[in-house]
Amino acid sequence: MLLAVMSSPAHAHEPWDDGSVPPPPPSSPADGYSKNMHLLATASHTGGVNTDLAFASDLVFAGHYGGFRIIDISEPGEPVELADVHCNGPQGDVSVWGDLLFLSVDTPQSTPGCEGSRNVTATTPGAWEGVRVFDVSDPTAPRFLQAIRTDCGSHTHTLVPREDGGTYIYVASYPLSASNIGPDCRAPFERISVIDVPGSDRAAGLAARVAAEPAIRGVDLFPGASGAFFACHDIQVLTPRNLAAAACLSQGQLWDISDPLAPRLTADIDTPDVDIWHSAAFTHDGKHVTFGDEYFGAPQEPFGAIWTYAVDNPSTPLSHLRIPRDEPSTYHNFNYVPVAGRNILVSSAYGSGTSVVDLTDPADPREIAHYDMRSNQWSTYWYNGLIIANDISRGVDVLRLGTRQTAGARHLPTLNPQTQTFLLR
C-alpha cells in the first residue's frame, strides 16, 4: 500500500549533506519549522494512538494502541506500509531482535492473544498484560507466537543483548490507575521483570520466559492514583559500559548491569524541578547521559526540560534546556545521532513536534532545528540519515535534517533506540 506523500518545493539554498536541495526557509516562525528541516513524507495512520518506534534495515516498526505497523522506507519519500497488525493493547512499545518483535501491553486484556479486548480489569479471570512476541521474518505477514505475563504488564521495555545471540528484556511497568491493579501489582511495587530470550528466531521467541524480578528502590515514591509506588518509565542501556539509565518517575537512576539479572544502583539523580522522569539516552562516547521530563502543565521554566549529567559524576546537572519557543515543552522519546566528536540529540516534544539539540558542549545546549506543523509526536529518532517521528494522531513522519553537524553519522543495521551497543570516540 503506497502511503500519502507530503513534500516541500525545492529552492536555491546550500545543499544538504547528501547533495540534494533543501526547501525554502519559512516565511515566518508561525510556519512551524526551521529552514534546515524538511518533511519528506507521512505514512498516515489515523483513528488511534501512535507510539514508539524500532528499526531494522529499511524497515520501520511503528507501535500503536491497537498493535503495530511495518513500513518500508527504502524510498524515504514514498514509504510503503507492508503490514498493520491488529493486536489490541496499549501502549505499543516495540523492539526488534532478529526475526522477533516484542510489543508492550500495560492495560489488562481479556486474553493473551490478539483477539482479546480491553474491557476488563486485572482481577478479571483470565485477564492478561505483559509482552507479546511476534515472528516478523516475513514483514508482510507477521505471526503471533506467544504472550508473556509480567507483573503490572509492560509500559515500556528495553533489550539487553548477550554475546550468545540471545537478549534479556527489561520490562518497566507500574499501575496506571487504581482500576487495573492485580494481585501482583501492589504499591509500592519496586521491581522490574527480566525476560530471557535465548536467541533471535521463532524457536527462541516461543521459549522466552521471565527469568528474574530484581528489586529497584528509590529515595522517593511516586504519588500515583493507585497509591505511592516506585517504578521506572523508561530504561536506557549502554552495554559497552554495563550501564543503565533508568527514568523512574520520581527520580533518575544509574545502574551497574554487569549482572543483567541483578541491576545494582550506583547513583540517584534527583531535582525538585522535574515533573516526571520519563526517558534517558547516553551520548555515544559514554561520558554523558540526558534525561527528559514529561511535563503536562502550562509553560514554566524549568519544567519539561532535558537535563544532562556526567556519567561518572552525576551529582549536579551540567545543564537543562526547555523548548526555546513559546510552546509546551516536554522532551519525550529521543536518541543521540551516532556521529563521533559531536553530541546531537533528536527528540519528540509532544505538542511541539520534533526538536534537534546540539549538546556537544553539555553545559551549553542549543536547539539547532525543529519541525512543528500541527505535530504531536510521541517518538522521534535519528536513523541512517533520516529523522523518523511517530505522530500520535497522524502517523509516521519521515524528515530530513540539513546540517553539517551530523555529517559522517554511522549507518546501523538495526536500531532499538533504548539500547546502545557501541561507543564512538
Protein backbone atom coordinates (compact mmCIF):
# COMPACT_ATOMS: atom_id res chain seq x y z
CA MET A 1 0.00 0.00 0.00
CA LEU A 2 1.55 3.32 -1.07
CA LEU A 3 1.01 5.93 1.59
CA ALA A 4 0.40 9.65 1.47
CA VAL A 5 3.47 11.66 0.45
CA MET A 6 3.98 15.26 1.51
CA SER A 7 6.97 17.33 0.46
CA SER A 8 8.19 20.90 0.17
CA PRO A 9 9.27 22.57 -3.08
CA ALA A 10 12.94 22.86 -3.96
CA HIS A 11 14.70 26.19 -3.56
CA ALA A 12 18.16 27.57 -4.21
CA HIS A 13 19.91 27.27 -0.84
CA GLU A 14 23.01 25.49 0.43
CA PRO A 15 22.64 21.75 -0.40
CA TRP A 16 22.04 19.08 2.21
CA ASP A 17 24.94 16.86 3.22
CA ASP A 18 23.86 14.33 0.57
CA GLY A 19 23.84 16.95 -2.19
CA SER A 20 20.07 17.30 -2.53
CA VAL A 21 18.42 20.71 -2.35
CA PRO A 22 16.62 21.86 0.81
CA PRO A 23 13.20 23.50 0.91
CA PRO A 24 12.83 27.26 1.25
CA PRO A 25 13.05 28.76 4.72
CA PRO A 26 9.76 29.56 6.46
CA SER A 27 8.34 32.97 5.74
CA SER A 28 7.73 33.44 9.47
CA PRO A 29 8.19 31.45 12.71
CA ALA A 30 4.47 30.66 12.53
CA ASP A 31 5.24 28.32 9.63
CA GLY A 32 6.44 25.92 12.28
CA TYR A 33 9.82 24.65 11.08
CA SER A 34 13.43 25.73 10.79
CA LYS A 35 14.93 26.14 7.34
CA ASN A 36 17.15 23.07 7.79
CA MET A 37 14.24 20.66 8.41
CA HIS A 38 12.29 19.10 5.56
CA LEU A 39 9.30 16.73 5.68
CA LEU A 40 9.78 14.07 3.01
CA ALA A 41 6.62 12.03 3.55
CA THR A 42 3.97 10.89 6.00
CA ALA A 43 2.90 7.26 6.33
CA SER A 44 -0.58 8.03 7.61
CA HIS A 45 -2.25 6.13 10.42
CA THR A 46 -5.26 7.83 11.96
CA GLY A 47 -8.05 6.93 14.32
CA GLY A 48 -5.82 5.70 17.16
CA VAL A 49 -2.76 6.49 19.27
CA ASN A 50 0.63 6.03 17.59
CA THR A 51 3.53 5.39 19.96
CA ASP A 52 7.10 4.12 19.83
CA LEU A 53 9.45 3.01 17.03
CA ALA A 54 12.14 0.44 16.24
CA PHE A 55 14.16 -0.10 13.06
CA ALA A 56 15.86 -2.84 11.05
CA SER A 57 17.42 -2.44 7.61
CA ASP A 58 14.95 -0.29 5.61
CA LEU A 59 12.02 -1.13 7.87
CA VAL A 60 10.28 0.98 10.49
CA PHE A 61 8.29 -0.85 13.18
CA ALA A 62 5.71 1.60 14.49
CA GLY A 63 3.70 0.74 17.58
CA HIS A 64 0.20 1.93 18.31
CA TYR A 65 -2.51 1.23 20.86
CA GLY A 66 -4.06 -1.37 18.56
CA GLY A 67 -0.88 -3.25 17.55
CA PHE A 68 1.96 -2.25 15.22
CA ARG A 69 2.81 -1.40 11.62
CA ILE A 70 5.77 -2.33 9.43
CA ILE A 71 6.76 0.36 6.91
CA ASP A 72 9.39 0.13 4.16
CA ILE A 73 11.38 3.39 3.88
CA SER A 74 13.90 2.25 1.25
CA GLU A 75 12.47 5.18 -0.75
CA PRO A 76 12.14 7.76 2.04
CA GLY A 77 9.86 10.00 0.03
CA GLU A 78 7.48 7.13 -0.73
CA PRO A 79 7.08 4.92 2.35
CA VAL A 80 5.18 1.69 1.82
CA GLU A 81 3.16 0.01 4.55
CA LEU A 82 3.88 -3.72 4.47
CA ALA A 83 1.65 -4.74 7.39
CA ASP A 84 -0.67 -3.33 10.02
CA VAL A 85 -1.07 -5.94 12.73
CA HIS A 86 -4.22 -5.52 14.81
CA CYS A 87 -3.49 -6.73 18.31
CA ASN A 88 -5.24 -4.57 20.86
CA GLY A 89 -3.39 -3.47 23.97
CA PRO A 90 -1.90 -0.10 24.87
CA GLN A 91 0.69 1.23 24.78
CA GLY A 92 2.51 -0.49 21.95
CA ASP A 93 6.17 -0.02 22.86
CA VAL A 94 8.14 -2.07 20.28
CA SER A 95 11.58 -3.59 19.79
CA VAL A 96 13.05 -5.99 17.23
CA TRP A 97 15.63 -8.75 17.66
CA GLY A 98 16.44 -10.80 14.56
CA ASP A 99 13.19 -12.38 13.40
CA LEU A 100 11.36 -11.34 16.58
CA LEU A 101 9.28 -8.33 17.54
CA PHE A 102 8.26 -7.58 21.13
CA LEU A 103 5.18 -5.49 21.94
CA SER A 104 4.37 -3.98 25.34
CA VAL A 105 0.85 -4.15 26.77
CA ASP A 106 0.15 -2.31 30.02
CA THR A 107 -3.63 -2.48 30.22
CA PRO A 108 -5.43 -5.74 31.11
CA GLN A 109 -6.79 -7.66 28.11
CA SER A 110 -9.43 -10.38 28.09
CA THR A 111 -6.99 -12.91 26.56
CA PRO A 112 -3.23 -13.05 25.86
CA GLY A 113 -3.81 -13.31 22.10
CA CYS A 114 -4.68 -10.64 19.56
CA GLU A 115 -8.38 -11.47 19.66
CA GLY A 116 -8.73 -10.03 23.18
CA SER A 117 -10.44 -6.83 24.26
CA ARG A 118 -9.54 -4.31 26.94
CA ASN A 119 -12.92 -4.08 28.69
CA VAL A 120 -11.65 -5.98 31.71
CA THR A 121 -9.68 -5.39 34.90
CA ALA A 122 -6.56 -7.11 36.10
CA THR A 123 -8.66 -9.16 38.53
CA THR A 124 -10.99 -10.50 35.82
CA PRO A 125 -10.41 -14.28 35.44
CA GLY A 126 -8.05 -14.86 32.54
CA ALA A 127 -7.08 -11.20 32.21
CA TRP A 128 -3.61 -10.70 30.79
CA GLU A 129 -1.00 -7.94 30.33
CA GLY A 130 2.72 -8.09 29.60
CA VAL A 131 4.82 -8.61 26.44
CA ARG A 132 3.60 -10.17 23.20
CA VAL A 133 6.08 -11.88 20.86
CA PHE A 134 5.79 -11.98 17.05
CA ASP A 135 7.72 -13.61 14.22
CA VAL A 136 8.44 -10.85 11.67
CA SER A 137 10.77 -12.86 9.41
CA ASP A 138 8.22 -12.11 6.67
CA PRO A 139 7.48 -8.42 7.23
CA THR A 140 4.37 -8.63 5.10
CA ALA A 141 2.83 -11.36 7.28
CA PRO A 142 3.89 -11.18 10.97
CA ARG A 143 2.81 -14.13 13.11
CA PHE A 144 1.87 -14.06 16.79
CA LEU A 145 3.99 -16.51 18.79
CA GLN A 146 3.17 -16.11 22.46
CA ALA A 147 2.35 -13.70 25.29
CA ILE A 148 4.48 -13.39 28.41
CA ARG A 149 2.66 -12.24 31.55
CA THR A 150 4.54 -9.73 33.71
CA ASP A 151 3.57 -8.06 36.96
CA CYS A 152 1.69 -4.81 36.20
CA GLY A 153 2.07 -5.51 32.48
CA SER A 154 4.67 -3.71 30.38
CA HIS A 155 4.55 0.04 29.99
CA THR A 156 7.89 0.04 28.17
CA HIS A 157 10.71 -2.45 27.66
CA THR A 158 14.41 -2.42 26.76
CA LEU A 159 16.61 -5.06 25.12
CA VAL A 160 19.91 -6.00 26.81
CA PRO A 161 21.77 -8.07 24.17
CA ARG A 162 24.00 -11.01 25.11
CA GLU A 163 27.12 -12.35 23.37
CA ASP A 164 25.49 -15.76 22.87
CA GLY A 165 22.95 -14.35 20.39
CA GLY A 166 20.15 -14.02 22.89
CA THR A 167 18.88 -11.00 24.74
CA TYR A 168 17.33 -10.05 28.02
CA ILE A 169 14.35 -7.68 28.11
CA TYR A 170 14.00 -5.20 30.96
CA VAL A 171 10.28 -4.67 31.49
CA ALA A 172 9.29 -1.38 33.11
CA SER A 173 5.77 -1.39 34.47
CA TYR A 174 3.62 0.18 37.12
CA PRO A 175 -0.09 0.52 37.98
CA LEU A 176 -1.52 3.16 35.69
CA SER A 177 -4.68 3.63 37.73
CA ALA A 178 -6.49 2.25 40.75
CA SER A 179 -8.87 0.34 38.47
CA ASN A 180 -6.27 -2.00 36.93
CA ILE A 181 -4.26 -3.26 39.87
CA GLY A 182 -3.98 -7.04 40.02
CA PRO A 183 -2.77 -9.25 42.87
CA ASP A 184 0.87 -8.90 41.75
CA CYS A 185 0.71 -5.15 41.12
CA ARG A 186 0.51 -3.60 44.54
CA ALA A 187 2.14 -0.41 45.74
CA PRO A 188 4.97 0.27 46.36
CA PHE A 189 5.81 -2.34 43.63
CA GLU A 190 9.60 -1.59 43.45
CA ARG A 191 10.78 -4.08 40.84
CA ILE A 192 11.21 -4.80 37.16
CA SER A 193 10.76 -8.03 35.23
CA VAL A 194 13.60 -9.52 33.18
CA ILE A 195 12.62 -11.75 30.25
CA ASP A 196 15.18 -14.22 28.90
CA VAL A 197 15.10 -14.68 25.10
CA PRO A 198 17.60 -17.46 24.20
CA GLY A 199 18.06 -16.46 20.54
CA SER A 200 16.59 -14.39 17.73
CA ASP A 201 14.47 -16.85 15.75
CA ARG A 202 10.98 -18.32 16.05
CA ALA A 203 12.08 -21.07 18.45
CA ALA A 204 13.67 -18.50 20.76
CA GLY A 205 10.51 -16.42 20.67
CA LEU A 206 8.45 -19.40 21.78
CA ALA A 207 10.96 -20.19 24.56
CA ALA A 208 11.15 -16.67 26.03
CA ARG A 209 10.28 -16.56 29.73
CA VAL A 210 10.55 -14.30 32.78
CA ALA A 211 13.91 -15.12 34.38
CA ALA A 212 14.09 -12.63 37.26
CA GLU A 213 12.23 -9.86 39.06
CA PRO A 214 15.01 -7.75 40.62
CA ALA A 215 14.11 -5.12 43.20
CA ILE A 216 14.55 -1.43 42.40
CA ARG A 217 14.20 1.17 45.11
CA GLY A 218 14.44 4.92 45.25
CA VAL A 219 14.62 7.74 47.72
CA ASP A 220 11.08 8.90 46.89
CA LEU A 221 7.85 7.16 45.98
CA PHE A 222 5.68 8.45 43.15
CA PRO A 223 2.24 9.58 44.40
CA GLY A 224 0.07 7.91 41.75
CA ALA A 225 -3.68 7.42 41.61
CA SER A 226 -3.20 3.81 42.65
CA GLY A 227 -1.06 4.59 45.69
CA ALA A 228 2.53 5.60 46.29
CA PHE A 229 4.92 3.34 44.38
CA PHE A 230 8.39 3.23 42.89
CA ALA A 231 8.78 2.01 39.32
CA CYS A 232 10.51 3.01 36.11
CA HIS A 233 9.00 4.51 33.00
CA ASP A 234 11.91 4.04 30.55
CA ILE A 235 15.27 2.31 30.85
CA GLN A 236 18.24 3.05 28.56
CA VAL A 237 21.22 0.67 28.44
CA LEU A 238 24.81 1.25 27.31
CA THR A 239 26.14 -2.28 27.05
CA PRO A 240 29.87 -1.49 26.43
CA ARG A 241 29.99 0.13 29.88
CA ASN A 242 27.47 -2.22 31.54
CA LEU A 243 25.33 0.78 32.43
CA ALA A 244 21.65 1.59 32.51
CA ALA A 245 19.96 4.96 32.93
CA ALA A 246 16.52 4.49 34.45
CA ALA A 247 13.91 7.23 34.30
CA CYS A 248 11.88 6.19 37.34
CA LEU A 249 9.09 8.78 37.55
CA SER A 250 10.08 10.30 40.91
CA GLN A 251 13.83 10.26 40.15
CA GLY A 252 16.52 9.24 37.70
CA GLN A 253 18.93 6.42 38.45
CA LEU A 254 22.14 4.87 37.09
CA TRP A 255 22.57 1.11 37.38
CA ASP A 256 25.51 -1.25 37.02
CA ILE A 257 24.20 -4.12 34.85
CA SER A 258 27.35 -6.28 34.87
CA ASP A 259 24.97 -8.95 36.12
CA PRO A 260 21.96 -8.18 33.91
CA LEU A 261 19.66 -10.29 36.07
CA ALA A 262 20.52 -8.21 39.14
CA PRO A 263 21.00 -4.49 38.31
CA ARG A 264 22.83 -2.58 41.04
CA LEU A 265 22.01 1.05 41.85
CA THR A 266 25.06 3.33 41.58
CA ALA A 267 23.51 6.81 41.57
CA ASP A 268 20.27 8.55 42.49
CA ILE A 269 19.61 11.65 40.40
CA ASP A 270 17.02 14.00 41.79
CA THR A 271 15.87 17.59 41.34
CA PRO A 272 12.73 19.38 42.51
CA ASP A 273 12.40 20.94 39.04
CA VAL A 274 11.28 17.76 37.24
CA ASP A 275 7.65 16.67 36.98
CA ILE A 276 8.13 13.07 35.75
CA TRP A 277 11.43 11.45 34.81
CA HIS A 278 10.36 9.90 31.50
CA SER A 279 13.27 8.89 29.24
CA ALA A 280 17.06 8.82 29.05
CA ALA A 281 19.87 8.50 26.50
CA PHE A 282 23.63 8.16 26.75
CA THR A 283 25.98 10.09 24.49
CA HIS A 284 27.86 7.80 22.10
CA ASP A 285 31.18 8.43 23.82
CA GLY A 286 29.62 7.13 27.04
CA LYS A 287 30.57 10.24 29.02
CA HIS A 288 27.19 11.93 29.50
CA VAL A 289 23.57 10.99 30.00
CA THR A 290 20.47 13.06 29.23
CA PHE A 291 17.12 12.64 30.97
CA GLY A 292 13.79 14.06 29.80
CA ASP A 293 10.95 15.50 31.86
CA GLU A 294 7.39 14.58 30.87
CA TYR A 295 5.58 17.73 31.95
CA PHE A 296 1.91 18.45 31.25
CA GLY A 297 1.47 21.90 32.77
CA ALA A 298 1.50 25.41 31.35
CA PRO A 299 4.90 26.61 30.06
CA GLN A 300 7.05 27.17 33.13
CA GLU A 301 10.82 27.29 33.47
CA PRO A 302 12.48 24.81 34.00
CA PHE A 303 9.77 22.12 33.81
CA GLY A 304 9.60 19.95 30.69
CA ALA A 305 13.34 20.24 30.06
CA ILE A 306 16.10 17.83 29.14
CA TRP A 307 18.74 17.52 31.86
CA THR A 308 22.32 16.41 31.15
CA TYR A 309 24.80 14.88 33.60
CA ALA A 310 28.34 13.50 33.61
CA VAL A 311 28.03 9.71 33.89
CA ASP A 312 30.97 9.42 36.29
CA ASN A 313 29.81 12.30 38.50
CA PRO A 314 26.04 12.78 38.15
CA SER A 315 25.51 14.64 41.41
CA THR A 316 24.90 18.01 39.72
CA PRO A 317 23.29 18.68 36.32
CA LEU A 318 25.57 20.23 33.70
CA SER A 319 22.61 21.96 32.03
CA HIS A 320 18.95 21.89 31.24
CA LEU A 321 17.01 23.10 28.20
CA ARG A 322 13.32 23.71 27.58
CA ILE A 323 11.79 24.16 24.14
CA PRO A 324 13.10 27.65 23.25
CA ARG A 325 9.78 28.77 21.78
CA ASP A 326 6.52 29.88 23.33
CA GLU A 327 5.06 26.38 23.23
CA PRO A 328 4.54 23.41 25.55
CA SER A 329 7.82 21.74 26.48
CA THR A 330 8.04 18.01 27.03
CA TYR A 331 11.06 16.15 25.67
CA HIS A 332 9.50 12.70 25.32
CA ASN A 333 11.44 9.98 23.46
CA PHE A 334 14.85 10.70 21.91
CA ASN A 335 18.27 9.41 20.85
CA TYR A 336 21.70 10.75 20.02
CA VAL A 337 22.95 10.80 16.42
CA PRO A 338 25.78 8.21 16.12
CA VAL A 339 28.49 10.64 15.00
CA ALA A 340 31.96 10.84 16.52
CA GLY A 341 33.05 14.04 18.23
CA ARG A 342 29.59 15.64 18.46
CA ASN A 343 26.52 15.10 20.63
CA ILE A 344 23.36 15.85 18.63
CA LEU A 345 20.09 14.86 20.28
CA VAL A 346 16.94 14.21 18.22
CA SER A 347 13.75 14.29 20.26
CA SER A 348 9.99 14.24 20.08
CA ALA A 349 8.38 17.05 22.03
CA TYR A 350 4.70 16.17 22.18
CA GLY A 351 2.77 19.29 21.11
CA SER A 352 5.97 20.99 19.92
CA GLY A 353 6.82 18.41 17.26
CA THR A 354 10.47 17.47 16.78
CA SER A 355 13.47 19.24 18.29
CA VAL A 356 17.17 18.77 17.45
CA VAL A 357 19.63 19.92 20.11
CA ASP A 358 23.42 20.33 19.97
CA LEU A 359 24.85 19.09 23.28
CA THR A 360 28.47 18.80 22.16
CA ASP A 361 29.18 21.22 24.97
CA PRO A 362 26.84 19.67 27.57
CA ALA A 363 26.94 22.90 29.60
CA ASP A 364 25.63 24.93 26.66
CA PRO A 365 22.76 23.10 24.90
CA ARG A 366 21.32 24.79 21.80
CA GLU A 367 18.35 23.87 19.62
CA ILE A 368 19.62 23.80 16.04
CA ALA A 369 16.48 22.62 14.22
CA HIS A 370 12.80 21.97 14.76
CA TYR A 371 9.73 20.81 12.88
CA ASP A 372 6.29 21.54 14.25
CA MET A 373 3.47 21.55 11.72
CA ARG A 374 0.43 20.72 13.86
CA SER A 375 2.60 17.93 15.28
CA ASN A 376 2.02 15.90 18.42
CA GLN A 377 4.88 13.45 18.30
CA TRP A 378 5.30 10.55 20.72
CA SER A 379 8.71 9.39 19.48
CA THR A 380 11.36 10.91 17.23
CA TYR A 381 14.70 9.26 16.43
CA TRP A 382 17.66 9.59 14.10
CA TYR A 383 18.12 6.55 11.87
CA ASN A 384 20.55 6.23 8.96
CA GLY A 385 20.49 9.81 7.72
CA LEU A 386 16.79 10.35 8.39
CA ILE A 387 14.68 11.57 11.27
CA ILE A 388 11.68 9.32 11.86
CA ALA A 389 8.80 10.51 14.05
CA ASN A 390 5.62 8.77 15.14
CA ASP A 391 2.93 11.41 15.45
CA ILE A 392 0.23 10.42 17.94
CA SER A 393 -2.69 11.15 15.63
CA ARG A 394 -1.16 11.39 12.13
CA GLY A 395 1.29 8.51 11.75
CA VAL A 396 4.95 8.18 10.78
CA ASP A 397 6.74 11.29 9.50
CA VAL A 398 9.97 10.90 7.51
CA LEU A 399 12.12 14.03 7.83
CA ARG A 400 15.49 15.17 6.55
CA LEU A 401 17.87 17.38 8.54
CA GLY A 402 20.30 19.57 6.62
CA THR A 403 23.26 20.40 8.84
CA ARG A 404 26.99 19.77 8.80
CA GLN A 405 26.83 18.73 12.44
CA THR A 406 25.54 15.27 11.54
CA ALA A 407 27.98 14.64 8.65
CA GLY A 408 29.67 11.26 8.96
CA ALA A 409 26.98 9.72 11.17
CA ARG A 410 27.19 5.94 11.30
CA HIS A 411 24.63 3.83 9.45
CA LEU A 412 23.23 0.98 11.52
CA PRO A 413 21.79 -2.41 10.52
CA THR A 414 19.16 -2.13 13.25
CA LEU A 415 18.13 0.28 15.99
CA ASN A 416 16.21 -0.18 19.20
CA PRO A 417 16.59 3.37 20.48
CA GLN A 418 16.67 2.37 24.17
CA THR A 419 19.62 0.02 23.52
CA GLN A 420 23.09 1.42 22.80
CA THR A 421 25.61 -1.29 21.89
CA PHE A 422 28.74 0.64 20.83
CA LEU A 423 30.93 3.60 21.72
CA LEU A 424 32.26 6.33 19.42
CA ARG A 425 35.41 8.27 20.33
